[in-house]
């Protein structure tokens, strides 16, 4: 994993673009604060469909902000990069996509 100072401008652009949507920022902040969460719980907390959550999760995964780890039938998502954790720490919003896992 590369440190925060070694990202190039294109990588930063992908991160900011992905976090530029309220639902995705909410998901990322919730994962930052709670460690991990699954799509079903995110859907319940955000009061939106699982399909819509999955679409946003896909964008966050493609931007290398989050990663998923399968445990049985459930995929648990978490923040996968130190630079994203640092960014979300700076933002320090009171948004949260899930409080329990």
Protein backbone atom coordinates (compact mmCIF):
# COMPACT_ATOMS: atom_id res chain seq x y z
CA UNK A 1 0.00 0.00 0.00
CA UNK A 2 1.34 3.41 -0.89
CA UNK A 3 1.49 6.32 1.52
CA UNK A 4 -0.66 9.41 1.21
CA UNK A 5 2.10 11.46 -0.42
CA UNK A 6 2.74 8.97 -3.24
CA UNK A 7 -0.68 9.14 -4.92
CA UNK A 8 -0.81 10.79 -8.28
CA UNK A 9 -3.39 13.40 -9.27
CA UNK A 10 -5.55 10.88 -11.14
CA UNK A 11 -5.85 8.70 -8.03
CA UNK A 12 -6.83 11.69 -5.89
CA UNK A 13 -9.37 12.71 -8.53
CA UNK A 14 -11.00 9.25 -8.41
CA UNK A 15 -11.20 9.39 -4.62
CA UNK A 16 -12.74 12.85 -4.52
CA UNK A 17 -15.15 12.05 -7.34
CA UNK A 18 -16.31 8.90 -5.57
CA UNK A 19 -16.75 10.73 -2.25
CA UNK A 20 -18.51 13.63 -4.00
CA UNK A 21 -21.92 11.96 -3.77
CA UNK A 22 -23.81 12.22 -0.43
CA UNK A 23 -24.67 8.52 -0.28
CA UNK A 24 -21.11 7.42 -0.98
CA UNK A 25 -19.68 9.91 1.51
CA UNK A 26 -22.17 8.65 4.09
CA UNK A 27 -21.17 5.03 3.41
CA UNK A 28 -17.45 5.86 3.65
CA UNK A 29 -17.89 7.86 6.88
CA UNK A 30 -19.92 5.05 8.40
CA UNK A 31 -17.26 2.51 7.51
CA UNK A 32 -14.54 4.79 8.85
CA UNK A 33 -16.35 5.18 12.17
CA UNK A 34 -17.55 1.58 12.56
CA UNK A 35 -14.87 -0.51 10.88
CA UNK A 36 -17.06 -2.71 8.71
CA UNK A 37 -20.60 -3.11 7.45
CA UNK A 38 -22.61 -5.14 4.94
CA UNK A 39 -24.93 -3.93 2.18
CA UNK A 40 -28.07 -5.05 4.01
CA UNK A 41 -27.24 -2.98 7.09
CA UNK A 42 -26.20 0.01 4.98
CA UNK A 43 -29.52 -0.22 3.15
CA UNK A 44 -31.46 -0.23 6.42
CA UNK A 45 -29.47 2.65 7.95
CA UNK A 46 -29.67 4.81 4.82
CA UNK A 47 -33.29 3.84 4.11
CA UNK A 48 -32.54 3.07 0.46
CA UNK A 49 -32.67 -0.13 -1.58
CA UNK A 50 -29.92 -2.72 -1.46
CA UNK A 51 -29.55 -2.35 -5.23
CA UNK A 52 -28.80 1.37 -4.87
CA UNK A 53 -26.34 0.73 -2.04
CA UNK A 54 -24.62 -1.91 -4.18
CA UNK A 55 -24.23 0.58 -7.04
CA UNK A 56 -22.56 3.08 -4.72
CA UNK A 57 -20.40 0.40 -3.09
CA UNK A 58 -19.17 -0.61 -6.56
CA UNK A 59 -18.02 2.96 -7.25
CA UNK A 60 -16.24 3.14 -3.89
CA UNK A 61 -14.54 -0.19 -4.59
CA UNK A 62 -13.44 0.93 -8.06
CA UNK A 63 -11.93 4.08 -6.53
CA UNK A 64 -10.03 1.81 -4.08
CA UNK A 65 -11.68 3.46 -1.09
CA UNK A 66 -13.30 0.32 0.29
CA UNK A 67 -12.81 -3.42 0.00
CA UNK A 68 -15.05 -6.37 0.68
CA UNK A 69 -14.25 -9.58 2.52
CA UNK A 70 -16.63 -12.52 2.28
CA UNK A 71 -17.63 -14.39 5.42
CA UNK A 72 -20.05 -17.11 4.40
CA UNK A 73 -22.90 -15.46 2.49
CA UNK A 74 -22.09 -11.94 3.74
CA UNK A 75 -19.58 -9.49 2.31
CA UNK A 76 -18.24 -7.10 4.93
CA UNK A 77 -16.96 -3.80 3.56
CA UNK A 78 -14.31 -1.64 5.17
CA UNK A 79 -12.02 1.26 4.30
CA UNK A 80 -9.00 -0.21 2.57
CA UNK A 81 -6.49 2.61 2.44
CA UNK A 82 -4.68 4.67 5.03
CA UNK A 83 -4.91 7.80 2.88
CA UNK A 84 -8.71 7.51 2.73
CA UNK A 85 -8.86 7.01 6.50
CA UNK A 86 -6.80 10.18 6.94
CA UNK A 87 -9.07 12.09 4.57
CA UNK A 88 -12.23 10.92 6.35
CA UNK A 89 -10.67 11.76 9.69
CA UNK A 90 -10.14 15.32 8.46
CA UNK A 91 -13.72 15.56 7.23
CA UNK A 92 -14.98 14.23 10.59
CA UNK A 93 -18.65 14.29 9.65
CA UNK A 94 -21.46 13.03 11.85
CA UNK A 95 -22.73 10.88 8.99
CA UNK A 96 -22.89 7.17 9.46
CA UNK A 97 -24.21 4.40 7.22
CA UNK A 98 -24.23 1.75 9.93
CA UNK A 99 -23.75 1.71 13.65
CA UNK A 100 -23.70 -2.02 14.24
CA UNK A 101 -22.33 -5.00 12.41
